[in-house]
N, C-alpha and C. Protein backbone atom coordinates (compact mmCIF):
# COMPACT_ATOMS: atom_id res chain seq x y z
N UNK A 1 -48.67 -46.77 -59.23
CA UNK A 1 -49.86 -46.03 -58.85
C UNK A 1 -50.04 -45.97 -57.33
N UNK A 2 -49.28 -46.79 -56.60
CA UNK A 2 -49.43 -46.83 -55.16
C UNK A 2 -48.16 -46.41 -54.44
N UNK A 3 -47.39 -45.54 -55.06
CA UNK A 3 -46.17 -45.06 -54.42
C UNK A 3 -46.53 -44.13 -53.27
N UNK A 4 -45.72 -44.15 -52.24
CA UNK A 4 -45.95 -43.28 -51.08
C UNK A 4 -45.19 -41.96 -51.20
N UNK A 5 -44.71 -41.69 -52.39
CA UNK A 5 -43.99 -40.45 -52.65
C UNK A 5 -44.28 -40.01 -54.08
N UNK A 6 -44.04 -38.77 -54.35
CA UNK A 6 -44.25 -38.26 -55.69
C UNK A 6 -42.97 -38.50 -56.50
N UNK A 7 -42.98 -39.39 -57.50
CA UNK A 7 -41.77 -39.70 -58.25
C UNK A 7 -41.20 -38.50 -59.02
N UNK A 8 -42.02 -37.50 -59.29
CA UNK A 8 -41.55 -36.32 -60.03
C UNK A 8 -40.56 -35.50 -59.21
N UNK A 9 -40.53 -35.74 -57.90
CA UNK A 9 -39.62 -35.02 -57.01
C UNK A 9 -38.38 -35.83 -56.66
N UNK A 10 -38.22 -37.01 -57.23
CA UNK A 10 -37.17 -37.94 -56.80
C UNK A 10 -36.19 -38.33 -57.90
N UNK A 11 -34.98 -38.59 -57.47
CA UNK A 11 -33.98 -39.23 -58.32
C UNK A 11 -33.99 -40.71 -57.94
N UNK A 12 -33.67 -41.58 -58.88
CA UNK A 12 -33.73 -43.02 -58.63
C UNK A 12 -32.34 -43.63 -58.83
N UNK A 13 -31.94 -44.48 -57.89
CA UNK A 13 -30.70 -45.23 -58.00
C UNK A 13 -31.07 -46.70 -58.19
N UNK A 14 -30.59 -47.30 -59.27
CA UNK A 14 -30.85 -48.71 -59.56
C UNK A 14 -29.56 -49.48 -59.29
N UNK A 15 -29.60 -50.42 -58.34
CA UNK A 15 -28.47 -51.31 -58.07
C UNK A 15 -28.72 -52.57 -58.88
N UNK A 16 -27.97 -52.74 -59.94
CA UNK A 16 -28.29 -53.76 -60.93
C UNK A 16 -27.26 -54.87 -61.01
N UNK A 17 -27.69 -55.96 -61.63
CA UNK A 17 -26.80 -57.06 -61.95
C UNK A 17 -25.83 -56.57 -63.03
N UNK A 18 -24.53 -56.77 -62.83
CA UNK A 18 -23.56 -56.24 -63.79
C UNK A 18 -23.63 -56.93 -65.15
N UNK A 19 -24.34 -58.04 -65.25
CA UNK A 19 -24.49 -58.74 -66.52
C UNK A 19 -25.77 -58.33 -67.26
N UNK A 20 -26.50 -57.38 -66.72
CA UNK A 20 -27.75 -56.93 -67.34
C UNK A 20 -27.49 -56.34 -68.72
N UNK A 21 -28.40 -56.55 -69.63
CA UNK A 21 -28.22 -56.07 -71.00
C UNK A 21 -28.50 -54.56 -71.11
N UNK A 22 -27.86 -53.96 -72.08
CA UNK A 22 -28.06 -52.53 -72.35
C UNK A 22 -29.52 -52.27 -72.72
N UNK A 23 -30.11 -53.18 -73.45
CA UNK A 23 -31.51 -53.03 -73.87
C UNK A 23 -32.45 -52.94 -72.65
N UNK A 24 -32.20 -53.78 -71.65
CA UNK A 24 -33.02 -53.74 -70.43
C UNK A 24 -32.82 -52.40 -69.71
N UNK A 25 -31.57 -51.96 -69.59
CA UNK A 25 -31.29 -50.69 -68.92
C UNK A 25 -32.02 -49.53 -69.58
N UNK A 26 -31.97 -49.50 -70.91
CA UNK A 26 -32.63 -48.43 -71.66
C UNK A 26 -34.14 -48.50 -71.49
N UNK A 27 -34.71 -49.70 -71.52
CA UNK A 27 -36.16 -49.85 -71.33
C UNK A 27 -36.57 -49.40 -69.94
N UNK A 28 -35.80 -49.78 -68.92
CA UNK A 28 -36.10 -49.38 -67.55
C UNK A 28 -36.03 -47.86 -67.39
N UNK A 29 -34.98 -47.26 -67.94
CA UNK A 29 -34.83 -45.80 -67.87
C UNK A 29 -35.98 -45.11 -68.58
N UNK A 30 -36.37 -45.63 -69.72
CA UNK A 30 -37.48 -45.05 -70.48
C UNK A 30 -38.78 -45.06 -69.66
N UNK A 31 -39.06 -46.18 -69.03
CA UNK A 31 -40.27 -46.28 -68.20
C UNK A 31 -40.20 -45.29 -67.03
N UNK A 32 -39.05 -45.22 -66.37
CA UNK A 32 -38.92 -44.32 -65.23
C UNK A 32 -39.09 -42.85 -65.64
N UNK A 33 -38.51 -42.47 -66.77
CA UNK A 33 -38.63 -41.08 -67.22
C UNK A 33 -40.02 -40.78 -67.79
N UNK A 34 -40.55 -41.66 -68.63
CA UNK A 34 -41.82 -41.37 -69.31
C UNK A 34 -43.05 -41.63 -68.44
N UNK A 35 -43.07 -42.75 -67.74
CA UNK A 35 -44.27 -43.11 -66.96
C UNK A 35 -44.28 -42.46 -65.58
N UNK A 36 -43.10 -42.37 -64.96
CA UNK A 36 -43.04 -41.85 -63.59
C UNK A 36 -42.48 -40.44 -63.51
N UNK A 37 -41.96 -39.92 -64.61
CA UNK A 37 -41.42 -38.55 -64.67
C UNK A 37 -40.38 -38.27 -63.59
N UNK A 38 -39.49 -39.24 -63.34
CA UNK A 38 -38.47 -39.02 -62.32
C UNK A 38 -37.49 -37.96 -62.80
N UNK A 39 -36.81 -37.33 -61.85
CA UNK A 39 -35.87 -36.25 -62.15
C UNK A 39 -34.59 -36.82 -62.78
N UNK A 40 -34.11 -37.94 -62.25
CA UNK A 40 -32.87 -38.52 -62.75
C UNK A 40 -32.77 -39.99 -62.39
N UNK A 41 -31.95 -40.71 -63.14
CA UNK A 41 -31.74 -42.13 -62.90
C UNK A 41 -30.23 -42.40 -62.91
N UNK A 42 -29.77 -43.13 -61.91
CA UNK A 42 -28.38 -43.58 -61.87
C UNK A 42 -28.40 -45.09 -61.77
N UNK A 43 -27.68 -45.76 -62.66
CA UNK A 43 -27.58 -47.21 -62.62
C UNK A 43 -26.16 -47.59 -62.25
N UNK A 44 -26.02 -48.43 -61.24
CA UNK A 44 -24.70 -48.84 -60.77
C UNK A 44 -24.71 -50.33 -60.50
N UNK A 45 -23.61 -51.02 -60.76
CA UNK A 45 -23.56 -52.44 -60.45
C UNK A 45 -23.65 -52.65 -58.93
N UNK A 46 -24.43 -53.63 -58.52
CA UNK A 46 -24.69 -53.85 -57.10
C UNK A 46 -23.48 -54.39 -56.35
N UNK A 47 -22.67 -55.23 -56.99
CA UNK A 47 -21.58 -55.89 -56.27
C UNK A 47 -20.58 -54.93 -55.62
N UNK A 48 -20.06 -53.92 -56.33
CA UNK A 48 -19.10 -53.01 -55.66
C UNK A 48 -19.71 -52.25 -54.48
N UNK A 49 -21.02 -52.12 -54.45
CA UNK A 49 -21.66 -51.41 -53.34
C UNK A 49 -21.49 -52.15 -52.01
N UNK A 50 -21.22 -53.45 -52.07
CA UNK A 50 -20.98 -54.23 -50.85
C UNK A 50 -19.71 -53.76 -50.14
N UNK A 51 -18.83 -53.09 -50.85
CA UNK A 51 -17.58 -52.61 -50.26
C UNK A 51 -17.71 -51.23 -49.62
N UNK A 52 -18.77 -50.52 -49.90
CA UNK A 52 -18.96 -49.15 -49.39
C UNK A 52 -18.87 -49.09 -47.87
N UNK A 53 -19.56 -49.97 -47.11
CA UNK A 53 -19.46 -49.88 -45.64
C UNK A 53 -18.05 -50.14 -45.11
N UNK A 54 -17.22 -50.81 -45.91
CA UNK A 54 -15.85 -51.10 -45.48
C UNK A 54 -14.91 -49.93 -45.77
N UNK A 55 -15.37 -48.98 -46.58
CA UNK A 55 -14.56 -47.82 -46.90
C UNK A 55 -13.41 -48.13 -47.85
N UNK A 56 -13.56 -49.17 -48.64
CA UNK A 56 -12.51 -49.53 -49.58
C UNK A 56 -13.12 -49.85 -50.95
N UNK A 57 -12.47 -49.44 -52.02
CA UNK A 57 -13.01 -49.73 -53.35
C UNK A 57 -12.53 -51.07 -53.92
N UNK A 58 -11.68 -51.78 -53.15
CA UNK A 58 -11.12 -53.04 -53.62
C UNK A 58 -11.44 -54.16 -52.65
N UNK A 59 -11.88 -55.30 -53.19
CA UNK A 59 -12.18 -56.43 -52.33
C UNK A 59 -12.65 -57.64 -53.10
N UNK A 60 -12.84 -58.70 -52.39
CA UNK A 60 -13.34 -59.95 -52.93
C UNK A 60 -14.77 -60.11 -52.42
N UNK A 61 -15.72 -60.23 -53.34
CA UNK A 61 -17.13 -60.32 -52.97
C UNK A 61 -17.58 -61.78 -53.06
N UNK A 62 -18.16 -62.29 -51.99
CA UNK A 62 -18.75 -63.62 -51.96
C UNK A 62 -20.25 -63.43 -51.91
N UNK A 63 -20.93 -63.84 -52.97
CA UNK A 63 -22.37 -63.65 -53.09
C UNK A 63 -23.05 -65.02 -52.99
N UNK A 64 -23.69 -65.30 -51.85
CA UNK A 64 -24.37 -66.57 -51.63
C UNK A 64 -25.84 -66.37 -51.92
N UNK A 65 -26.31 -67.01 -52.98
CA UNK A 65 -27.71 -66.90 -53.37
C UNK A 65 -28.49 -68.14 -52.98
N UNK A 66 -29.72 -68.22 -53.44
CA UNK A 66 -30.59 -69.34 -53.08
C UNK A 66 -30.11 -70.64 -53.71
N UNK A 67 -29.71 -70.59 -54.99
CA UNK A 67 -29.26 -71.81 -55.67
C UNK A 67 -27.84 -71.72 -56.21
N UNK A 68 -27.18 -70.57 -56.04
CA UNK A 68 -25.85 -70.39 -56.61
C UNK A 68 -25.01 -69.51 -55.70
N UNK A 69 -23.72 -69.80 -55.67
CA UNK A 69 -22.76 -68.98 -54.94
C UNK A 69 -21.70 -68.51 -55.93
N UNK A 70 -21.36 -67.23 -55.87
CA UNK A 70 -20.35 -66.70 -56.78
C UNK A 70 -19.34 -65.85 -56.02
N UNK A 71 -18.13 -65.82 -56.58
CA UNK A 71 -17.04 -65.02 -56.03
C UNK A 71 -16.55 -64.12 -57.16
N UNK A 72 -16.33 -62.85 -56.85
CA UNK A 72 -15.84 -61.93 -57.87
C UNK A 72 -14.92 -60.89 -57.22
N UNK A 73 -13.94 -60.48 -57.97
CA UNK A 73 -12.98 -59.49 -57.50
C UNK A 73 -13.39 -58.10 -57.99
N UNK A 74 -13.30 -57.13 -57.10
CA UNK A 74 -13.56 -55.73 -57.45
C UNK A 74 -12.27 -54.96 -57.13
N UNK A 75 -11.75 -54.26 -58.14
CA UNK A 75 -10.52 -53.48 -57.96
C UNK A 75 -10.81 -52.02 -58.27
N UNK A 76 -10.60 -51.16 -57.29
CA UNK A 76 -10.85 -49.72 -57.43
C UNK A 76 -12.26 -49.44 -57.98
N UNK A 77 -13.23 -50.20 -57.49
CA UNK A 77 -14.63 -50.00 -57.87
C UNK A 77 -15.03 -50.65 -59.18
N UNK A 78 -14.08 -51.27 -59.86
CA UNK A 78 -14.36 -51.92 -61.15
C UNK A 78 -14.42 -53.43 -60.97
N UNK A 79 -15.45 -54.06 -61.53
CA UNK A 79 -15.59 -55.51 -61.46
C UNK A 79 -14.62 -56.14 -62.46
N UNK A 80 -13.83 -57.09 -61.98
CA UNK A 80 -12.92 -57.83 -62.85
C UNK A 80 -13.68 -59.07 -63.33
N UNK A 81 -14.28 -58.98 -64.49
CA UNK A 81 -15.18 -60.02 -64.99
C UNK A 81 -14.46 -61.36 -65.11
N UNK A 82 -13.19 -61.36 -65.49
CA UNK A 82 -12.44 -62.61 -65.64
C UNK A 82 -12.28 -63.35 -64.31
N UNK A 83 -12.45 -62.66 -63.19
CA UNK A 83 -12.28 -63.28 -61.88
C UNK A 83 -13.54 -63.98 -61.39
N UNK A 84 -14.63 -63.81 -62.08
CA UNK A 84 -15.92 -64.35 -61.63
C UNK A 84 -15.92 -65.88 -61.67
N UNK A 85 -16.27 -66.50 -60.56
CA UNK A 85 -16.41 -67.95 -60.45
C UNK A 85 -17.73 -68.24 -59.76
N UNK A 86 -18.45 -69.24 -60.28
CA UNK A 86 -19.74 -69.61 -59.70
C UNK A 86 -19.83 -71.11 -59.50
N UNK A 87 -20.62 -71.50 -58.54
CA UNK A 87 -20.90 -72.91 -58.28
C UNK A 87 -22.39 -73.04 -57.98
N UNK A 88 -22.99 -74.12 -58.48
CA UNK A 88 -24.43 -74.34 -58.27
C UNK A 88 -24.68 -74.91 -56.88
N UNK A 89 -24.34 -74.14 -55.89
CA UNK A 89 -24.53 -74.54 -54.50
C UNK A 89 -24.85 -73.29 -53.71
N UNK A 90 -26.04 -73.21 -53.19
CA UNK A 90 -26.45 -72.03 -52.45
C UNK A 90 -27.18 -72.40 -51.17
N UNK A 91 -27.95 -71.49 -50.68
CA UNK A 91 -28.69 -71.69 -49.44
C UNK A 91 -29.64 -72.89 -49.53
N UNK A 92 -30.26 -73.08 -50.70
CA UNK A 92 -31.20 -74.18 -50.89
C UNK A 92 -30.55 -75.53 -50.57
N UNK A 93 -29.33 -75.75 -51.05
CA UNK A 93 -28.63 -77.01 -50.80
C UNK A 93 -28.38 -77.21 -49.31
N UNK A 94 -28.04 -76.13 -48.61
CA UNK A 94 -27.81 -76.23 -47.17
C UNK A 94 -29.11 -76.54 -46.43
N UNK A 95 -30.19 -75.91 -46.84
CA UNK A 95 -31.48 -76.19 -46.21
C UNK A 95 -31.89 -77.64 -46.41
N UNK A 96 -31.67 -78.17 -47.61
CA UNK A 96 -32.01 -79.57 -47.89
C UNK A 96 -31.13 -80.51 -47.05
N UNK A 97 -29.87 -80.15 -46.87
CA UNK A 97 -28.96 -80.96 -46.06
C UNK A 97 -29.42 -80.97 -44.60
N UNK A 98 -29.78 -79.83 -44.07
CA UNK A 98 -30.28 -79.74 -42.70
C UNK A 98 -31.57 -80.53 -42.55
N UNK A 99 -32.47 -80.41 -43.52
CA UNK A 99 -33.74 -81.14 -43.48
C UNK A 99 -33.48 -82.65 -43.48
N UNK A 100 -32.52 -83.11 -44.29
CA UNK A 100 -32.17 -84.53 -44.35
C UNK A 100 -31.63 -85.00 -43.00
N UNK A 101 -30.73 -84.20 -42.39
CA UNK A 101 -30.16 -84.58 -41.09
C UNK A 101 -31.24 -84.66 -40.01
N UNK A 102 -32.15 -83.71 -40.02
CA UNK A 102 -33.23 -83.72 -39.03
C UNK A 102 -34.14 -84.93 -39.23
N UNK A 103 -34.48 -85.22 -40.48
CA UNK A 103 -35.38 -86.35 -40.73
C UNK A 103 -34.71 -87.69 -40.42
N UNK A 104 -33.37 -87.78 -40.55
CA UNK A 104 -32.67 -89.03 -40.28
C UNK A 104 -32.40 -89.25 -38.80
N UNK A 105 -32.03 -88.21 -38.09
CA UNK A 105 -31.61 -88.42 -36.70
C UNK A 105 -32.14 -87.38 -35.72
N UNK A 106 -32.98 -86.51 -36.19
CA UNK A 106 -33.46 -85.45 -35.32
C UNK A 106 -34.66 -85.85 -34.48
N UNK A 107 -34.94 -85.03 -33.52
CA UNK A 107 -36.13 -85.21 -32.69
C UNK A 107 -36.95 -83.93 -32.74
N UNK A 108 -38.22 -84.09 -32.50
CA UNK A 108 -39.14 -82.97 -32.50
C UNK A 108 -39.81 -82.90 -31.15
N UNK A 109 -39.83 -81.73 -30.56
CA UNK A 109 -40.48 -81.56 -29.26
C UNK A 109 -41.89 -81.06 -29.50
N UNK A 110 -42.87 -81.89 -29.12
CA UNK A 110 -44.28 -81.52 -29.26
C UNK A 110 -44.83 -81.40 -27.84
N UNK A 111 -45.00 -80.19 -27.38
CA UNK A 111 -45.45 -79.99 -25.99
C UNK A 111 -44.34 -80.42 -25.04
N UNK A 112 -44.65 -81.41 -24.16
CA UNK A 112 -43.64 -81.92 -23.22
C UNK A 112 -43.07 -83.24 -23.69
N UNK A 113 -43.46 -83.68 -24.84
CA UNK A 113 -43.10 -85.00 -25.33
C UNK A 113 -42.07 -84.91 -26.46
N UNK A 114 -41.03 -85.71 -26.39
CA UNK A 114 -40.04 -85.78 -27.46
C UNK A 114 -40.39 -86.91 -28.40
N UNK A 115 -40.41 -86.64 -29.70
CA UNK A 115 -40.70 -87.67 -30.71
C UNK A 115 -39.51 -87.79 -31.61
N UNK A 116 -39.18 -89.00 -31.96
CA UNK A 116 -38.09 -89.23 -32.91
C UNK A 116 -38.58 -89.33 -34.30
């Protein structure tokens, strides 16, 4: 209700998680067509789009998230699902590590005074 454009004049591109269910895709498309009356909807997996600025359809994607990091191979624009590897280590773990290092041996500058 607070869009800054008229959705009836627009096509929509959804960059989605490649593991998303068909049921969710259909529900999303239904809402976009029925509630917002969009002209068209295109759904594409988000990971291969990371290769677009490089001008190549093939590459290795490293996706570092907040709590998880994953690596996946994309060949000619197609995700090779068997190549997907994930580890429960993301930005959050690095932030906690930095926080621990600062609290153990760091100093804080408050005005002109250094505090340990």
